[in-house]
Amino acid sequence: MHKQILDIRTVDRDENRRRMRNGELYWAFTPDLIADRKRCKAACDRLNNAGDVSRRTLVGMWKEKLKVWTSINGDQVPLPPPRLARLGDNVYINSNSTWIDTCLITVGSRTLIGPNCSFYSGTHPLDPTLRNGTRGPESGKPITIGEDCWLGGNVIVLPGVTIGKGVTVGAGSVVTKDVPDYVCVVGNPARVVKKIVPSQPTDGSTPALSTTINYSSTM
């Protein structure tokens, strides 16, 4: 009945990782994936507990952990496995962010992510017999966040969601389905509450700031 279920005793490591990244059923608790998670946690702990060091030192530690990035030139830079994320230029991620990166999570340039935001690209079968606690297979769907977005604090983005360009997501929202470009969404589940009209100078220059800036109370 369930022909695609994998047997953890015979699973091929490369095939299991391919299934994971493609959103197919895979085994999450194989020795190599457990080792990957432990290694990443240790690296993050060392970085977070570095103490009062310079920003240059922190950046050096970060790049050393990634072992990529010979330069940052504004293009989106893919992080190596098992960090299945791709971040654009000038992305800001605030504290206590959670990334369940079963499948690729993409964040566009100039996007701001508030504190305590969570991105869940992993999911489980609804059938409890198939799910079988930690002994059953799981799967995932990619998450894509466009350029120039702003996610308020405690936003949750669920598997398979695509958030368009220039979107604002109100604090505490749960994004369960795709969001079009240039709208503000709030709530659980997140719904469109207003359209956003971006400033776009005809000469390509930076828009002038108005003397009065109205910050939405929903953020």
N, C-alpha and C. Protein backbone atom coordinates (compact mmCIF):
# COMPACT_ATOMS: atom_id res chain seq x y z
N MET A 1 0.83 -1.21 0.00
CA MET A 1 0.00 0.00 0.00
C MET A 1 0.86 1.25 0.00
N HIS A 2 1.87 1.26 0.88
CA HIS A 2 2.76 2.41 0.97
C HIS A 2 4.10 2.04 0.33
N LYS A 3 4.16 2.02 -0.98
CA LYS A 3 5.34 1.55 -1.68
C LYS A 3 6.52 2.48 -1.56
N GLN A 4 6.29 3.78 -1.21
CA GLN A 4 7.39 4.74 -1.16
C GLN A 4 8.02 4.85 0.23
N ILE A 5 7.54 4.06 1.19
CA ILE A 5 8.11 4.10 2.53
C ILE A 5 9.51 3.51 2.51
N LEU A 6 10.44 4.18 3.15
CA LEU A 6 11.82 3.71 3.19
C LEU A 6 12.05 2.84 4.41
N ASP A 7 12.97 1.91 4.31
CA ASP A 7 13.38 1.07 5.43
C ASP A 7 14.71 1.61 5.93
N ILE A 8 14.72 2.08 7.19
CA ILE A 8 15.92 2.73 7.73
C ILE A 8 17.11 1.79 7.77
N ARG A 9 16.86 0.49 7.78
CA ARG A 9 17.96 -0.48 7.85
C ARG A 9 18.68 -0.63 6.51
N THR A 10 18.01 -0.26 5.44
CA THR A 10 18.61 -0.46 4.11
C THR A 10 18.71 0.83 3.31
N VAL A 11 18.34 1.95 3.92
CA VAL A 11 18.27 3.20 3.17
C VAL A 11 19.66 3.64 2.71
N ASP A 12 19.73 4.11 1.48
CA ASP A 12 20.96 4.68 0.94
C ASP A 12 21.06 6.14 1.36
N ARG A 13 22.22 6.54 1.87
CA ARG A 13 22.38 7.90 2.40
C ARG A 13 22.08 8.96 1.34
N ASP A 14 22.67 8.84 0.17
CA ASP A 14 22.46 9.85 -0.87
C ASP A 14 21.01 9.88 -1.34
N GLU A 15 20.41 8.70 -1.47
CA GLU A 15 19.01 8.64 -1.90
C GLU A 15 18.10 9.26 -0.84
N ASN A 16 18.42 9.02 0.44
CA ASN A 16 17.62 9.59 1.52
C ASN A 16 17.68 11.11 1.51
N ARG A 17 18.87 11.66 1.28
CA ARG A 17 19.01 13.12 1.21
C ARG A 17 18.31 13.68 -0.03
N ARG A 18 18.37 12.96 -1.13
CA ARG A 18 17.67 13.42 -2.32
C ARG A 18 16.17 13.48 -2.06
N ARG A 19 15.64 12.47 -1.41
CA ARG A 19 14.22 12.45 -1.07
C ARG A 19 13.87 13.61 -0.15
N MET A 20 14.72 13.87 0.83
CA MET A 20 14.47 14.96 1.77
C MET A 20 14.35 16.29 1.04
N ARG A 21 15.29 16.58 0.16
CA ARG A 21 15.32 17.87 -0.52
C ARG A 21 14.22 18.00 -1.58
N ASN A 22 13.71 16.86 -2.05
CA ASN A 22 12.65 16.89 -3.06
C ASN A 22 11.26 16.82 -2.45
N GLY A 23 11.18 16.83 -1.12
CA GLY A 23 9.87 16.81 -0.47
C GLY A 23 9.21 15.45 -0.44
N GLU A 24 9.98 14.37 -0.67
CA GLU A 24 9.44 13.02 -0.62
C GLU A 24 9.61 12.45 0.79
N LEU A 25 8.94 11.32 1.05
CA LEU A 25 9.12 10.66 2.34
C LEU A 25 10.57 10.22 2.50
N TYR A 26 11.14 10.50 3.67
CA TYR A 26 12.53 10.13 3.94
C TYR A 26 12.66 9.87 5.44
N TRP A 27 13.79 9.31 5.84
CA TRP A 27 14.05 9.03 7.25
C TRP A 27 14.87 10.17 7.84
N ALA A 28 14.33 10.83 8.87
CA ALA A 28 14.99 12.00 9.46
C ALA A 28 16.01 11.64 10.52
N PHE A 29 15.98 10.41 11.02
CA PHE A 29 16.84 10.06 12.14
C PHE A 29 17.89 9.02 11.76
N THR A 30 18.42 9.15 10.54
CA THR A 30 19.57 8.34 10.17
C THR A 30 20.82 8.91 10.83
N PRO A 31 21.85 8.09 11.05
CA PRO A 31 23.04 8.57 11.76
C PRO A 31 23.68 9.81 11.13
N ASP A 32 23.71 9.89 9.79
CA ASP A 32 24.37 11.03 9.16
C ASP A 32 23.59 12.32 9.36
N LEU A 33 22.24 12.27 9.31
CA LEU A 33 21.46 13.48 9.52
C LEU A 33 21.49 13.92 10.98
N ILE A 34 21.51 12.96 11.90
CA ILE A 34 21.65 13.30 13.32
C ILE A 34 23.00 13.98 13.55
N ALA A 35 24.07 13.44 12.95
CA ALA A 35 25.40 14.04 13.10
C ALA A 35 25.44 15.45 12.52
N ASP A 36 24.77 15.67 11.40
CA ASP A 36 24.71 17.00 10.80
C ASP A 36 24.07 18.00 11.75
N ARG A 37 22.95 17.61 12.35
CA ARG A 37 22.26 18.52 13.26
C ARG A 37 23.10 18.83 14.50
N LYS A 38 23.78 17.82 15.02
CA LYS A 38 24.64 18.05 16.19
C LYS A 38 25.80 18.98 15.84
N ARG A 39 26.39 18.79 14.66
CA ARG A 39 27.51 19.63 14.25
C ARG A 39 27.06 21.09 14.07
N CYS A 40 25.90 21.28 13.46
CA CYS A 40 25.40 22.64 13.27
C CYS A 40 25.06 23.30 14.60
N LYS A 41 24.47 22.54 15.52
CA LYS A 41 24.14 23.11 16.82
C LYS A 41 25.40 23.53 17.57
N ALA A 42 26.44 22.69 17.51
CA ALA A 42 27.69 23.03 18.19
C ALA A 42 28.31 24.28 17.59
N ALA A 43 28.27 24.41 16.26
CA ALA A 43 28.83 25.60 15.61
C ALA A 43 28.06 26.85 16.00
N CYS A 44 26.73 26.76 16.05
CA CYS A 44 25.92 27.91 16.46
C CYS A 44 26.18 28.28 17.91
N ASP A 45 26.34 27.27 18.77
CA ASP A 45 26.62 27.54 20.18
C ASP A 45 27.94 28.27 20.34
N ARG A 46 28.96 27.86 19.59
CA ARG A 46 30.26 28.54 19.68
C ARG A 46 30.14 29.99 19.22
N LEU A 47 29.38 30.21 18.17
CA LEU A 47 29.20 31.57 17.65
C LEU A 47 28.42 32.43 18.64
N ASN A 48 27.33 31.89 19.18
CA ASN A 48 26.48 32.65 20.09
C ASN A 48 27.14 32.93 21.43
N ASN A 49 28.11 32.09 21.81
CA ASN A 49 28.80 32.26 23.09
C ASN A 49 30.20 32.84 22.92
N ALA A 50 30.42 33.53 21.81
CA ALA A 50 31.75 34.09 21.53
C ALA A 50 32.12 35.22 22.48
N GLY A 51 31.11 35.82 23.13
CA GLY A 51 31.40 36.89 24.07
C GLY A 51 31.55 38.24 23.39
N ASP A 52 32.22 39.15 24.06
CA ASP A 52 32.36 40.52 23.59
C ASP A 52 33.52 40.61 22.60
N VAL A 53 33.26 40.22 21.37
CA VAL A 53 34.28 40.27 20.33
C VAL A 53 33.81 41.22 19.23
N SER A 54 34.72 41.60 18.37
CA SER A 54 34.38 42.55 17.31
C SER A 54 33.47 41.91 16.27
N ARG A 55 32.77 42.78 15.54
CA ARG A 55 31.92 42.29 14.45
C ARG A 55 32.74 41.56 13.40
N ARG A 56 33.95 42.06 13.14
CA ARG A 56 34.82 41.41 12.16
C ARG A 56 35.13 39.98 12.59
N THR A 57 35.38 39.79 13.89
CA THR A 57 35.66 38.44 14.39
C THR A 57 34.45 37.53 14.24
N LEU A 58 33.26 38.06 14.54
CA LEU A 58 32.04 37.27 14.40
C LEU A 58 31.80 36.87 12.95
N VAL A 59 32.02 37.81 12.03
CA VAL A 59 31.84 37.50 10.61
C VAL A 59 32.83 36.42 10.19
N GLY A 60 34.07 36.52 10.68
CA GLY A 60 35.07 35.51 10.36
C GLY A 60 34.67 34.14 10.88
N MET A 61 34.14 34.09 12.10
CA MET A 61 33.68 32.82 12.66
C MET A 61 32.53 32.25 11.84
N TRP A 62 31.62 33.12 11.44
CA TRP A 62 30.46 32.69 10.64
C TRP A 62 30.90 32.10 9.30
N LYS A 63 31.80 32.78 8.61
CA LYS A 63 32.26 32.29 7.32
C LYS A 63 33.06 31.00 7.47
N GLU A 64 33.80 30.89 8.55
CA GLU A 64 34.57 29.68 8.78
C GLU A 64 33.64 28.49 8.96
N LYS A 65 32.51 28.72 9.66
CA LYS A 65 31.56 27.63 9.86
C LYS A 65 30.91 27.22 8.54
N LEU A 66 30.65 28.20 7.68
CA LEU A 66 30.01 27.88 6.40
C LEU A 66 30.98 27.28 5.41
N LYS A 67 32.26 27.72 5.50
CA LYS A 67 33.31 27.27 4.58
C LYS A 67 32.94 27.53 3.11
N VAL A 68 32.21 28.61 2.89
CA VAL A 68 31.96 29.12 1.54
C VAL A 68 32.06 30.62 1.62
N TRP A 69 31.61 31.31 0.60
CA TRP A 69 31.58 32.76 0.56
C TRP A 69 32.98 33.36 0.48
N THR A 70 33.62 33.24 -0.66
CA THR A 70 34.87 33.95 -0.86
C THR A 70 34.61 35.44 -1.03
N SER A 71 33.38 35.79 -1.42
CA SER A 71 33.00 37.18 -1.50
C SER A 71 31.49 37.27 -1.41
N ILE A 72 31.00 38.43 -1.07
CA ILE A 72 29.57 38.68 -1.06
C ILE A 72 29.33 39.86 -1.98
N ASN A 73 28.71 39.61 -3.11
CA ASN A 73 28.61 40.65 -4.13
C ASN A 73 27.17 41.04 -4.43
N GLY A 74 26.25 40.66 -3.56
CA GLY A 74 24.86 41.03 -3.76
C GLY A 74 24.02 39.92 -4.36
N ASP A 75 24.65 38.90 -4.93
CA ASP A 75 23.88 37.77 -5.45
C ASP A 75 23.42 36.90 -4.29
N GLN A 76 22.37 36.11 -4.56
CA GLN A 76 21.95 35.16 -3.53
C GLN A 76 23.02 34.10 -3.37
N VAL A 77 23.35 33.80 -2.12
CA VAL A 77 24.44 32.88 -1.83
C VAL A 77 23.87 31.61 -1.23
N PRO A 78 24.01 30.44 -1.89
CA PRO A 78 23.51 29.20 -1.31
C PRO A 78 24.40 28.72 -0.18
N LEU A 79 23.80 28.30 0.93
CA LEU A 79 24.56 27.74 2.03
C LEU A 79 24.70 26.25 1.77
N PRO A 80 25.82 25.65 2.16
CA PRO A 80 26.04 24.24 1.86
C PRO A 80 25.18 23.34 2.73
N PRO A 81 24.91 22.10 2.31
CA PRO A 81 24.17 21.15 3.13
C PRO A 81 24.88 20.96 4.46
N PRO A 82 24.15 20.71 5.59
CA PRO A 82 22.71 20.54 5.62
C PRO A 82 21.94 21.84 5.80
N ARG A 83 22.58 22.98 5.60
CA ARG A 83 21.89 24.27 5.77
C ARG A 83 21.16 24.59 4.48
N LEU A 84 19.94 24.11 4.37
CA LEU A 84 19.20 24.26 3.12
C LEU A 84 18.50 25.61 3.09
N ALA A 85 19.29 26.66 2.96
CA ALA A 85 18.75 28.02 2.89
C ALA A 85 19.52 28.82 1.86
N ARG A 86 18.84 29.76 1.24
CA ARG A 86 19.49 30.66 0.28
C ARG A 86 19.05 32.08 0.63
N LEU A 87 20.02 32.91 0.99
CA LEU A 87 19.73 34.27 1.44
C LEU A 87 20.22 35.28 0.43
N GLY A 88 19.40 36.28 0.13
CA GLY A 88 19.80 37.35 -0.75
C GLY A 88 20.68 38.37 -0.04
N ASP A 89 21.02 39.43 -0.73
CA ASP A 89 21.86 40.48 -0.18
C ASP A 89 21.07 41.34 0.81
N ASN A 90 21.74 41.77 1.88
CA ASN A 90 21.15 42.72 2.83
C ASN A 90 19.90 42.17 3.51
N VAL A 91 19.93 40.87 3.83
CA VAL A 91 18.86 40.24 4.61
C VAL A 91 19.20 40.37 6.09
N TYR A 92 18.20 40.72 6.91
CA TYR A 92 18.42 40.83 8.35
C TYR A 92 17.52 39.83 9.07
N ILE A 93 18.13 38.99 9.92
CA ILE A 93 17.39 38.00 10.70
C ILE A 93 17.60 38.30 12.17
N ASN A 94 16.53 38.61 12.88
CA ASN A 94 16.61 38.96 14.29
C ASN A 94 16.80 37.69 15.14
N SER A 95 16.75 37.85 16.46
CA SER A 95 17.11 36.77 17.38
C SER A 95 16.06 35.66 17.43
N ASN A 96 16.51 34.48 17.87
CA ASN A 96 15.65 33.32 18.16
C ASN A 96 14.84 32.85 16.96
N SER A 97 15.44 32.85 15.81
CA SER A 97 14.77 32.36 14.61
C SER A 97 14.95 30.85 14.49
N THR A 98 13.88 30.16 14.08
CA THR A 98 13.91 28.71 13.93
C THR A 98 13.71 28.34 12.47
N TRP A 99 14.63 27.54 11.93
CA TRP A 99 14.57 27.13 10.53
C TRP A 99 14.57 25.61 10.46
N ILE A 100 13.43 25.02 10.16
CA ILE A 100 13.36 23.58 9.91
C ILE A 100 13.58 23.40 8.41
N ASP A 101 14.85 23.15 8.05
CA ASP A 101 15.24 23.22 6.64
C ASP A 101 15.28 21.85 5.98
N THR A 102 14.17 21.11 6.11
CA THR A 102 14.06 19.84 5.40
C THR A 102 14.20 20.06 3.90
N CYS A 103 13.50 21.07 3.39
CA CYS A 103 13.61 21.50 1.99
C CYS A 103 14.15 22.93 1.96
N LEU A 104 14.49 23.39 0.78
CA LEU A 104 15.13 24.70 0.63
C LEU A 104 14.24 25.84 1.12
N ILE A 105 14.83 26.74 1.89
CA ILE A 105 14.17 27.97 2.33
C ILE A 105 14.92 29.13 1.68
N THR A 106 14.22 29.91 0.87
CA THR A 106 14.82 31.02 0.13
C THR A 106 14.27 32.34 0.64
N VAL A 107 15.18 33.29 0.91
CA VAL A 107 14.78 34.62 1.37
C VAL A 107 15.40 35.64 0.42
N GLY A 108 14.56 36.50 -0.16
CA GLY A 108 15.03 37.48 -1.12
C GLY A 108 15.76 38.65 -0.49
N SER A 109 16.47 39.39 -1.32
CA SER A 109 17.28 40.52 -0.86
C SER A 109 16.44 41.58 -0.15
N ARG A 110 17.09 42.22 0.82
CA ARG A 110 16.54 43.36 1.57
C ARG A 110 15.32 42.99 2.41
N THR A 111 15.16 41.73 2.70
CA THR A 111 14.05 41.29 3.55
C THR A 111 14.45 41.34 5.02
N LEU A 112 13.54 41.80 5.86
CA LEU A 112 13.75 41.92 7.30
C LEU A 112 12.90 40.87 8.01
N ILE A 113 13.53 40.11 8.91
CA ILE A 113 12.84 39.06 9.65
C ILE A 113 12.91 39.38 11.13
N GLY A 114 11.77 39.55 11.77
CA GLY A 114 11.70 39.93 13.17
C GLY A 114 12.09 38.80 14.11
N PRO A 115 12.12 39.08 15.42
CA PRO A 115 12.52 38.07 16.40
C PRO A 115 11.50 36.94 16.51
N ASN A 116 12.01 35.76 16.85
CA ASN A 116 11.18 34.59 17.14
C ASN A 116 10.38 34.09 15.94
N CYS A 117 10.84 34.39 14.73
CA CYS A 117 10.15 33.88 13.54
C CYS A 117 10.55 32.43 13.28
N SER A 118 9.63 31.66 12.73
CA SER A 118 9.86 30.24 12.48
C SER A 118 9.49 29.88 11.05
N PHE A 119 10.33 29.06 10.43
CA PHE A 119 10.12 28.61 9.06
C PHE A 119 10.14 27.09 9.06
N TYR A 120 8.99 26.49 8.81
CA TYR A 120 8.84 25.04 8.91
C TYR A 120 8.68 24.44 7.52
N SER A 121 9.78 24.01 6.91
CA SER A 121 9.66 23.35 5.61
C SER A 121 9.44 21.85 5.75
N GLY A 122 9.53 21.33 6.97
CA GLY A 122 9.31 19.92 7.22
C GLY A 122 7.87 19.64 7.61
N THR A 123 7.39 18.45 7.28
CA THR A 123 6.03 18.05 7.65
C THR A 123 6.00 16.54 7.86
N HIS A 124 4.86 16.04 8.34
CA HIS A 124 4.71 14.62 8.65
C HIS A 124 3.43 14.08 8.03
N PRO A 125 3.35 12.76 7.80
CA PRO A 125 2.11 12.17 7.32
C PRO A 125 0.98 12.37 8.33
N LEU A 126 -0.23 12.59 7.85
CA LEU A 126 -1.38 12.72 8.74
C LEU A 126 -1.79 11.37 9.32
N ASP A 127 -1.53 10.30 8.60
CA ASP A 127 -1.85 8.95 9.06
C ASP A 127 -0.94 8.59 10.23
N PRO A 128 -1.48 8.42 11.46
CA PRO A 128 -0.62 8.16 12.61
C PRO A 128 0.12 6.84 12.52
N THR A 129 -0.46 5.85 11.83
CA THR A 129 0.24 4.58 11.67
C THR A 129 1.47 4.73 10.80
N LEU A 130 1.32 5.47 9.72
CA LEU A 130 2.47 5.74 8.85
C LEU A 130 3.48 6.65 9.53
N ARG A 131 2.99 7.65 10.28
CA ARG A 131 3.88 8.60 10.96
C ARG A 131 4.74 7.88 12.00
N ASN A 132 4.13 7.07 12.85
CA ASN A 132 4.85 6.16 13.75
C ASN A 132 5.91 6.85 14.59
N GLY A 133 5.57 8.02 15.17
CA GLY A 133 6.52 8.73 16.03
C GLY A 133 7.79 9.09 15.29
N THR A 134 8.93 8.80 15.91
CA THR A 134 10.22 9.07 15.27
C THR A 134 10.68 7.92 14.38
N ARG A 135 9.91 6.83 14.33
CA ARG A 135 10.31 5.67 13.54
C ARG A 135 9.76 5.69 12.11
N GLY A 136 8.81 6.58 11.85
CA GLY A 136 8.24 6.66 10.51
C GLY A 136 8.92 7.71 9.66
N PRO A 137 8.60 7.72 8.37
CA PRO A 137 9.19 8.71 7.47
C PRO A 137 8.50 10.06 7.60
N GLU A 138 9.16 11.09 7.15
CA GLU A 138 8.56 12.42 7.07
C GLU A 138 8.91 13.03 5.72
N SER A 139 8.44 14.25 5.48
CA SER A 139 8.68 14.87 4.18
C SER A 139 8.75 16.38 4.36
N GLY A 140 8.73 17.11 3.27
CA GLY A 140 8.81 18.57 3.37
C GLY A 140 8.42 19.24 2.07
N LYS A 141 8.28 20.56 2.13
CA LYS A 141 8.02 21.37 0.95
C LYS A 141 8.82 22.66 1.08
N PRO A 142 9.36 23.20 -0.01
CA PRO A 142 10.19 24.41 0.07
C PRO A 142 9.39 25.64 0.46
N ILE A 143 10.09 26.61 1.05
CA ILE A 143 9.52 27.91 1.41
C ILE A 143 10.27 28.98 0.64
N THR A 144 9.54 29.92 0.04
CA THR A 144 10.17 31.01 -0.70
C THR A 144 9.61 32.34 -0.22
N ILE A 145 10.50 33.25 0.15
CA ILE A 145 10.11 34.60 0.58
C ILE A 145 10.75 35.58 -0.39
N GLY A 146 9.96 36.48 -0.95
CA GLY A 146 10.44 37.38 -1.98
C GLY A 146 11.33 38.49 -1.46
N GLU A 147 11.76 39.35 -2.36
CA GLU A 147 12.58 40.50 -2.01
C GLU A 147 11.74 41.57 -1.29
N ASP A 148 12.42 42.35 -0.47
CA ASP A 148 11.84 43.55 0.15
C ASP A 148 10.64 43.24 1.04
N CYS A 149 10.66 42.10 1.70
CA CYS A 149 9.59 41.75 2.63
C CYS A 149 9.95 42.16 4.05
N TRP A 150 8.94 42.26 4.90
CA TRP A 150 9.14 42.52 6.33
C TRP A 150 8.22 41.59 7.10
N LEU A 151 8.83 40.69 7.89
CA LEU A 151 8.09 39.79 8.74
C LEU A 151 8.22 40.26 10.18
N GLY A 152 7.11 40.59 10.82
CA GLY A 152 7.13 41.01 12.21
C GLY A 152 7.50 39.86 13.13
N GLY A 153 7.61 40.15 14.42
CA GLY A 153 7.99 39.13 15.39
C GLY A 153 6.99 38.00 15.49
N ASN A 154 7.51 36.79 15.78
CA ASN A 154 6.69 35.60 16.03
C ASN A 154 5.85 35.16 14.83
N VAL A 155 6.31 35.46 13.64
CA VAL A 155 5.63 34.97 12.43
C VAL A 155 6.03 33.51 12.20
N ILE A 156 5.06 32.70 11.78
CA ILE A 156 5.31 31.31 11.42
C ILE A 156 4.95 31.12 9.95
N VAL A 157 5.87 30.51 9.20
CA VAL A 157 5.64 30.21 7.78
C VAL A 157 5.65 28.70 7.62
N LEU A 158 4.57 28.14 7.06
CA LEU A 158 4.40 26.70 6.96
C LEU A 158 4.95 26.14 5.65
N PRO A 159 5.09 24.82 5.55
CA PRO A 159 5.69 24.20 4.36
C PRO A 159 4.97 24.55 3.07
N GLY A 160 5.74 24.75 2.01
CA GLY A 160 5.20 24.96 0.68
C GLY A 160 4.72 26.36 0.38
N VAL A 161 4.91 27.30 1.32
CA VAL A 161 4.40 28.66 1.14
C VAL A 161 5.37 29.50 0.32
N THR A 162 4.83 30.31 -0.58
CA THR A 162 5.60 31.33 -1.30
C THR A 162 5.03 32.69 -0.95
N ILE A 163 5.87 33.57 -0.41
CA ILE A 163 5.49 34.94 -0.08
C ILE A 163 6.07 35.85 -1.15
N GLY A 164 5.22 36.68 -1.75
CA GLY A 164 5.64 37.50 -2.87
C GLY A 164 6.56 38.64 -2.50
N LYS A 165 6.86 39.48 -3.46
CA LYS A 165 7.77 40.61 -3.30
C LYS A 165 7.06 41.74 -2.54
N GLY A 166 7.82 42.40 -1.64
CA GLY A 166 7.33 43.59 -0.97
C GLY A 166 6.20 43.35 0.01
N VAL A 167 6.11 42.16 0.56
CA VAL A 167 5.02 41.80 1.47
C VAL A 167 5.39 42.15 2.92
N THR A 168 4.42 42.66 3.67
CA THR A 168 4.56 42.84 5.11
C THR A 168 3.66 41.83 5.81
N VAL A 169 4.24 41.09 6.76
CA VAL A 169 3.49 40.09 7.52
C VAL A 169 3.43 40.56 8.97
N GLY A 170 2.22 40.79 9.48
CA GLY A 170 2.04 41.31 10.82
C GLY A 170 2.54 40.35 11.89
N ALA A 171 2.98 40.90 13.01
CA ALA A 171 3.51 40.10 14.12
C ALA A 171 2.50 39.06 14.57
N GLY A 172 3.01 37.85 14.84
CA GLY A 172 2.17 36.77 15.33
C GLY A 172 1.37 36.04 14.28
N SER A 173 1.54 36.38 13.03
CA SER A 173 0.76 35.75 11.96
C SER A 173 1.28 34.35 11.65
N VAL A 174 0.37 33.50 11.17
CA VAL A 174 0.73 32.16 10.69
C VAL A 174 0.39 32.10 9.21
N VAL A 175 1.42 31.99 8.37
CA VAL A 175 1.22 32.02 6.92
C VAL A 175 1.06 30.58 6.44
N THR A 176 -0.15 30.24 6.01
CA THR A 176 -0.48 28.87 5.63
C THR A 176 -0.60 28.67 4.13
N LYS A 177 -0.68 29.76 3.35
CA LYS A 177 -0.81 29.64 1.90
C LYS A 177 -0.07 30.79 1.23
N ASP A 178 0.07 30.71 -0.09
CA ASP A 178 0.84 31.70 -0.84
C ASP A 178 0.26 33.11 -0.67
N VAL A 179 1.18 34.09 -0.70
CA VAL A 179 0.82 35.50 -0.55
C VAL A 179 1.25 36.25 -1.80
N PRO A 180 0.39 37.05 -2.43
CA PRO A 180 0.77 37.79 -3.64
C PRO A 180 1.72 38.95 -3.32
N ASP A 181 2.25 39.59 -4.34
CA ASP A 181 3.16 40.72 -4.18
C ASP A 181 2.44 41.92 -3.55
N TYR A 182 3.21 42.70 -2.80
CA TYR A 182 2.82 44.03 -2.33
C TYR A 182 1.46 44.05 -1.61
N VAL A 183 1.36 43.23 -0.57
CA VAL A 183 0.19 43.27 0.30
C VAL A 183 0.67 43.16 1.74
N CYS A 184 -0.21 43.51 2.66
CA CYS A 184 0.02 43.31 4.09
C CYS A 184 -0.93 42.22 4.55
N VAL A 185 -0.40 41.19 5.21
CA VAL A 185 -1.22 40.10 5.72
C VAL A 185 -1.06 40.00 7.23
N VAL A 186 -2.13 39.67 7.92
CA VAL A 186 -2.09 39.50 9.37
C VAL A 186 -3.03 38.36 9.75
N GLY A 187 -2.79 37.79 10.93
CA GLY A 187 -3.73 36.84 11.50
C GLY A 187 -3.29 35.39 11.40
N ASN A 188 -4.15 34.52 11.96
CA ASN A 188 -3.94 33.07 11.94
C ASN A 188 -5.25 32.40 11.52
N PRO A 189 -5.32 31.97 10.25
CA PRO A 189 -4.29 32.06 9.21
C PRO A 189 -4.17 33.48 8.67
N ALA A 190 -3.00 33.80 8.13
CA ALA A 190 -2.75 35.16 7.63
C ALA A 190 -3.65 35.46 6.44
N ARG A 191 -4.26 36.65 6.47
CA ARG A 191 -5.13 37.10 5.38
C ARG A 191 -4.72 38.50 4.94
N VAL A 192 -4.98 38.81 3.69
CA VAL A 192 -4.66 40.13 3.16
C VAL A 192 -5.58 41.16 3.79
N VAL A 193 -4.98 42.23 4.35
CA VAL A 193 -5.78 43.31 4.95
C VAL A 193 -5.63 44.62 4.18
N LYS A 194 -4.57 44.75 3.38
CA LYS A 194 -4.41 45.95 2.58
C LYS A 194 -3.37 45.72 1.49
N LYS A 195 -3.46 46.51 0.44
CA LYS A 195 -2.46 46.51 -0.61
C LYS A 195 -1.40 47.55 -0.29
N ILE A 196 -0.19 47.31 -0.78
CA ILE A 196 0.93 48.23 -0.56
C ILE A 196 1.32 48.83 -1.90
N VAL A 197 1.39 50.15 -1.96
CA VAL A 197 1.83 50.85 -3.17
C VAL A 197 3.25 51.33 -2.93
N PRO A 198 4.26 50.68 -3.54
CA PRO A 198 5.65 51.06 -3.29
C PRO A 198 6.01 52.37 -3.98
N SER A 199 6.94 53.12 -3.36
CA SER A 199 7.48 54.32 -4.00
C SER A 199 8.43 53.89 -5.11
N GLN A 200 8.28 54.45 -6.27
CA GLN A 200 9.11 54.06 -7.41
C GLN A 200 9.47 55.28 -8.23
N PRO A 201 10.61 55.93 -7.90
CA PRO A 201 11.04 57.11 -8.68
C PRO A 201 11.29 56.75 -10.13
N THR A 202 10.92 57.65 -11.02
CA THR A 202 11.12 57.40 -12.45
C THR A 202 12.58 57.51 -12.86
N ASP A 203 13.40 58.22 -12.05
CA ASP A 203 14.81 58.39 -12.42
C ASP A 203 15.72 57.33 -11.80
N GLY A 204 15.13 56.37 -11.09
CA GLY A 204 15.92 55.31 -10.50
C GLY A 204 16.61 55.68 -9.21
N SER A 205 16.38 56.89 -8.69
CA SER A 205 17.01 57.31 -7.44
C SER A 205 16.24 56.77 -6.24
N THR A 206 16.84 56.92 -5.06
CA THR A 206 16.18 56.48 -3.84
C THR A 206 15.02 57.40 -3.51
N PRO A 207 13.84 56.87 -3.17
CA PRO A 207 12.70 57.72 -2.84
C PRO A 207 13.00 58.61 -1.65
N ALA A 208 12.54 59.86 -1.71
CA ALA A 208 12.70 60.77 -0.58
C ALA A 208 11.74 60.39 0.53
N LEU A 209 12.22 60.43 1.78
CA LEU A 209 11.37 60.12 2.92
C LEU A 209 10.42 61.27 3.19
N SER A 210 9.19 60.95 3.48
CA SER A 210 8.24 61.99 3.88
C SER A 210 8.55 62.43 5.30
N THR A 211 8.09 63.62 5.67
CA THR A 211 8.36 64.12 7.01
C THR A 211 7.58 63.37 8.06
N THR A 212 6.49 62.72 7.68
CA THR A 212 5.69 61.94 8.62
C THR A 212 5.68 60.49 8.17
N ILE A 213 6.12 59.59 9.05
CA ILE A 213 6.15 58.17 8.74
C ILE A 213 5.12 57.47 9.62
N ASN A 214 4.16 56.80 9.01
CA ASN A 214 3.10 56.13 9.74
C ASN A 214 3.43 54.66 9.88
N TYR A 215 3.82 54.24 11.08
CA TYR A 215 4.13 52.84 11.33
C TYR A 215 2.85 52.11 11.71
N SER A 216 2.58 51.00 11.03
CA SER A 216 1.35 50.26 11.29
C SER A 216 1.35 49.69 12.69
N SER A 217 0.23 49.79 13.37
CA SER A 217 0.12 49.27 14.73
C SER A 217 0.05 47.76 14.76
N THR A 218 -0.09 47.13 13.59
CA THR A 218 -0.18 45.67 13.55
C THR A 218 1.17 45.01 13.57
N MET A 219 2.26 45.76 13.40
CA MET A 219 3.57 45.14 13.31
C MET A 219 4.13 44.87 14.70
